[in-house]
């Protein structure tokens, strides 16, 4: 819901940029944890997959939240 709340008045390029920003921060944290701790261990997974997956998930959540809230108005 935070993604929707911070981008509800933005146009599509702004929404995509904001989703990309959130995904980039989450991916950067994941890479740091993977490299410097034993919390995450990848076998055949790359950080690019995480970036794309988190971007698409964040964008999908934003679109669904917008639809659900418009339907209730």
N, C-alpha and C. Protein backbone atom coordinates (compact mmCIF):
# COMPACT_ATOMS: atom_id res chain seq x y z
N UNK A 1 0.82 -1.19 0.00
CA UNK A 1 0.00 0.00 0.00
C UNK A 1 0.86 1.26 0.00
N UNK A 2 2.07 1.17 0.55
CA UNK A 2 2.94 2.34 0.58
C UNK A 2 3.28 2.79 -0.84
N UNK A 3 3.49 1.85 -1.73
CA UNK A 3 3.80 2.18 -3.12
C UNK A 3 2.64 2.94 -3.73
N UNK A 4 1.42 2.49 -3.48
CA UNK A 4 0.26 3.19 -4.03
C UNK A 4 0.11 4.58 -3.40
N UNK A 5 0.29 4.65 -2.09
CA UNK A 5 0.11 5.92 -1.40
C UNK A 5 1.10 6.97 -1.87
N UNK A 6 2.32 6.56 -2.18
CA UNK A 6 3.32 7.53 -2.60
C UNK A 6 3.26 7.84 -4.09
N UNK A 7 2.49 7.08 -4.86
CA UNK A 7 2.45 7.30 -6.31
C UNK A 7 1.04 7.44 -6.85
N UNK A 8 0.06 7.67 -6.02
CA UNK A 8 -1.33 7.67 -6.50
C UNK A 8 -1.63 8.82 -7.44
N UNK A 9 -0.92 9.93 -7.34
CA UNK A 9 -1.17 11.06 -8.24
C UNK A 9 -0.17 11.12 -9.40
N UNK A 10 0.74 10.18 -9.46
CA UNK A 10 1.77 10.19 -10.51
C UNK A 10 1.23 9.59 -11.80
N UNK A 11 1.79 10.01 -12.90
CA UNK A 11 1.48 9.41 -14.20
C UNK A 11 2.32 8.14 -14.35
N UNK A 12 2.07 7.39 -15.43
CA UNK A 12 2.71 6.08 -15.58
C UNK A 12 4.23 6.11 -15.59
N UNK A 13 4.88 7.09 -16.24
CA UNK A 13 6.35 7.09 -16.16
C UNK A 13 6.84 7.28 -14.72
N UNK A 14 6.14 8.09 -13.96
CA UNK A 14 6.51 8.30 -12.56
C UNK A 14 6.28 7.06 -11.71
N UNK A 15 5.18 6.36 -11.97
CA UNK A 15 4.89 5.12 -11.25
C UNK A 15 5.95 4.08 -11.55
N UNK A 16 6.31 3.94 -12.83
CA UNK A 16 7.34 2.96 -13.22
C UNK A 16 8.69 3.32 -12.59
N UNK A 17 9.02 4.61 -12.58
CA UNK A 17 10.29 5.04 -11.98
C UNK A 17 10.31 4.77 -10.48
N UNK A 18 9.18 5.01 -9.83
CA UNK A 18 9.12 4.76 -8.39
C UNK A 18 9.21 3.27 -8.08
N UNK A 19 8.55 2.45 -8.87
CA UNK A 19 8.65 1.00 -8.68
C UNK A 19 10.07 0.53 -8.93
N UNK A 20 10.73 1.09 -9.94
CA UNK A 20 12.12 0.74 -10.21
C UNK A 20 13.02 1.15 -9.06
N UNK A 21 12.75 2.29 -8.46
CA UNK A 21 13.54 2.74 -7.32
C UNK A 21 13.40 1.82 -6.12
N UNK A 22 12.16 1.43 -5.82
CA UNK A 22 11.94 0.51 -4.70
C UNK A 22 12.63 -0.83 -4.98
N UNK A 23 12.50 -1.33 -6.20
CA UNK A 23 13.13 -2.61 -6.54
C UNK A 23 14.65 -2.51 -6.47
N UNK A 24 15.20 -1.38 -6.88
CA UNK A 24 16.66 -1.21 -6.84
C UNK A 24 17.18 -1.21 -5.40
N UNK A 25 16.48 -0.54 -4.50
CA UNK A 25 16.90 -0.51 -3.10
C UNK A 25 16.81 -1.91 -2.49
N UNK A 26 15.71 -2.60 -2.73
CA UNK A 26 15.56 -3.95 -2.18
C UNK A 26 16.60 -4.91 -2.75
N UNK A 27 16.90 -4.78 -4.04
CA UNK A 27 17.91 -5.64 -4.65
C UNK A 27 19.29 -5.33 -4.10
N UNK A 28 19.60 -4.06 -3.90
CA UNK A 28 20.90 -3.69 -3.33
C UNK A 28 21.07 -4.28 -1.94
N UNK A 29 20.02 -4.21 -1.12
CA UNK A 29 20.10 -4.82 0.22
C UNK A 29 20.29 -6.33 0.12
N UNK A 30 19.59 -6.95 -0.81
CA UNK A 30 19.72 -8.39 -1.00
C UNK A 30 21.14 -8.77 -1.40
N UNK A 31 21.74 -8.00 -2.30
CA UNK A 31 23.11 -8.27 -2.75
C UNK A 31 24.09 -8.12 -1.59
N UNK A 32 23.92 -7.09 -0.79
CA UNK A 32 24.80 -6.89 0.37
C UNK A 32 24.67 -8.06 1.33
N UNK A 33 23.46 -8.48 1.63
CA UNK A 33 23.25 -9.61 2.54
C UNK A 33 23.82 -10.90 1.96
N UNK A 34 23.68 -11.08 0.65
CA UNK A 34 24.18 -12.31 0.03
C UNK A 34 25.71 -12.36 0.06
N UNK A 35 26.34 -11.24 -0.15
CA UNK A 35 27.80 -11.23 -0.22
C UNK A 35 28.48 -11.22 1.14
N UNK A 36 27.87 -10.60 2.12
CA UNK A 36 28.55 -10.37 3.39
C UNK A 36 28.00 -11.17 4.57
N UNK A 37 26.98 -11.96 4.34
CA UNK A 37 26.44 -12.79 5.42
C UNK A 37 26.15 -14.19 4.87
N UNK A 38 25.75 -15.07 5.75
CA UNK A 38 25.33 -16.41 5.35
C UNK A 38 23.81 -16.53 5.34
N UNK A 39 23.11 -15.40 5.34
CA UNK A 39 21.65 -15.42 5.37
C UNK A 39 21.06 -15.87 4.04
N UNK A 40 21.71 -15.48 2.94
CA UNK A 40 21.23 -15.81 1.60
C UNK A 40 22.37 -16.48 0.85
N UNK A 41 22.05 -17.55 0.15
CA UNK A 41 23.06 -18.23 -0.66
C UNK A 41 22.41 -18.60 -1.99
N UNK A 42 22.92 -18.02 -3.08
CA UNK A 42 22.36 -18.26 -4.40
C UNK A 42 23.02 -19.44 -5.08
N UNK A 43 22.20 -20.21 -5.78
CA UNK A 43 22.68 -21.30 -6.63
C UNK A 43 21.97 -21.13 -7.97
N UNK A 44 22.64 -20.48 -8.92
CA UNK A 44 22.05 -20.28 -10.23
C UNK A 44 21.09 -19.11 -10.30
N UNK A 45 21.13 -18.22 -9.35
CA UNK A 45 20.26 -17.04 -9.33
C UNK A 45 21.15 -15.82 -9.39
N UNK A 46 20.74 -14.82 -10.14
CA UNK A 46 21.52 -13.60 -10.28
C UNK A 46 20.72 -12.42 -9.74
N UNK A 47 21.42 -11.36 -9.38
CA UNK A 47 20.73 -10.20 -8.83
C UNK A 47 19.82 -9.56 -9.86
N UNK A 48 20.12 -9.73 -11.15
CA UNK A 48 19.26 -9.16 -12.19
C UNK A 48 17.86 -9.79 -12.15
N UNK A 49 17.80 -11.08 -11.85
CA UNK A 49 16.51 -11.75 -11.73
C UNK A 49 15.70 -11.14 -10.59
N UNK A 50 16.37 -10.88 -9.48
CA UNK A 50 15.69 -10.28 -8.34
C UNK A 50 15.18 -8.89 -8.68
N UNK A 51 16.00 -8.09 -9.37
CA UNK A 51 15.60 -6.74 -9.74
C UNK A 51 14.35 -6.75 -10.61
N UNK A 52 14.35 -7.57 -11.64
CA UNK A 52 13.21 -7.63 -12.55
C UNK A 52 11.97 -8.17 -11.83
N UNK A 53 12.16 -9.23 -11.04
CA UNK A 53 11.04 -9.82 -10.32
C UNK A 53 10.42 -8.84 -9.34
N UNK A 54 11.25 -8.15 -8.57
CA UNK A 54 10.71 -7.19 -7.60
C UNK A 54 10.06 -5.99 -8.29
N UNK A 55 10.61 -5.55 -9.42
CA UNK A 55 9.99 -4.46 -10.17
C UNK A 55 8.60 -4.87 -10.64
N UNK A 56 8.50 -6.06 -11.24
CA UNK A 56 7.20 -6.52 -11.75
C UNK A 56 6.20 -6.73 -10.62
N UNK A 57 6.66 -7.27 -9.50
CA UNK A 57 5.76 -7.48 -8.36
C UNK A 57 5.29 -6.15 -7.79
N UNK A 58 6.20 -5.20 -7.64
CA UNK A 58 5.82 -3.89 -7.11
C UNK A 58 4.84 -3.19 -8.05
N UNK A 59 5.09 -3.27 -9.35
CA UNK A 59 4.19 -2.66 -10.32
C UNK A 59 2.82 -3.34 -10.30
N UNK A 60 2.79 -4.65 -10.20
CA UNK A 60 1.52 -5.37 -10.14
C UNK A 60 0.73 -5.00 -8.88
N UNK A 61 1.40 -4.90 -7.75
CA UNK A 61 0.72 -4.51 -6.51
C UNK A 61 0.16 -3.10 -6.65
N UNK A 62 0.93 -2.21 -7.26
CA UNK A 62 0.47 -0.83 -7.46
C UNK A 62 -0.76 -0.79 -8.34
N UNK A 63 -0.76 -1.55 -9.43
CA UNK A 63 -1.91 -1.57 -10.33
C UNK A 63 -3.14 -2.17 -9.65
N UNK A 64 -2.96 -3.26 -8.93
CA UNK A 64 -4.09 -3.90 -8.25
C UNK A 64 -4.66 -3.01 -7.15
N UNK A 65 -3.81 -2.35 -6.40
CA UNK A 65 -4.29 -1.46 -5.34
C UNK A 65 -5.09 -0.31 -5.95
N UNK A 66 -4.60 0.24 -7.04
CA UNK A 66 -5.33 1.31 -7.71
C UNK A 66 -6.68 0.87 -8.20
N UNK A 67 -6.74 -0.32 -8.77
CA UNK A 67 -8.03 -0.84 -9.25
C UNK A 67 -9.01 -1.09 -8.11
N UNK A 68 -8.53 -1.70 -7.05
CA UNK A 68 -9.42 -2.01 -5.93
C UNK A 68 -9.94 -0.74 -5.27
N UNK A 69 -9.11 0.24 -5.12
CA UNK A 69 -9.55 1.48 -4.49
C UNK A 69 -10.48 2.27 -5.39
N UNK A 70 -10.29 2.23 -6.69
CA UNK A 70 -11.21 2.92 -7.62
C UNK A 70 -12.57 2.24 -7.62
N UNK A 71 -12.58 0.94 -7.47
CA UNK A 71 -13.83 0.19 -7.47
C UNK A 71 -14.67 0.52 -6.23
N UNK A 72 -14.02 0.83 -5.11
CA UNK A 72 -14.74 1.11 -3.87
C UNK A 72 -15.23 2.53 -3.77
N UNK A 73 -14.83 3.40 -4.69
CA UNK A 73 -15.26 4.80 -4.61
C UNK A 73 -16.65 5.00 -5.11
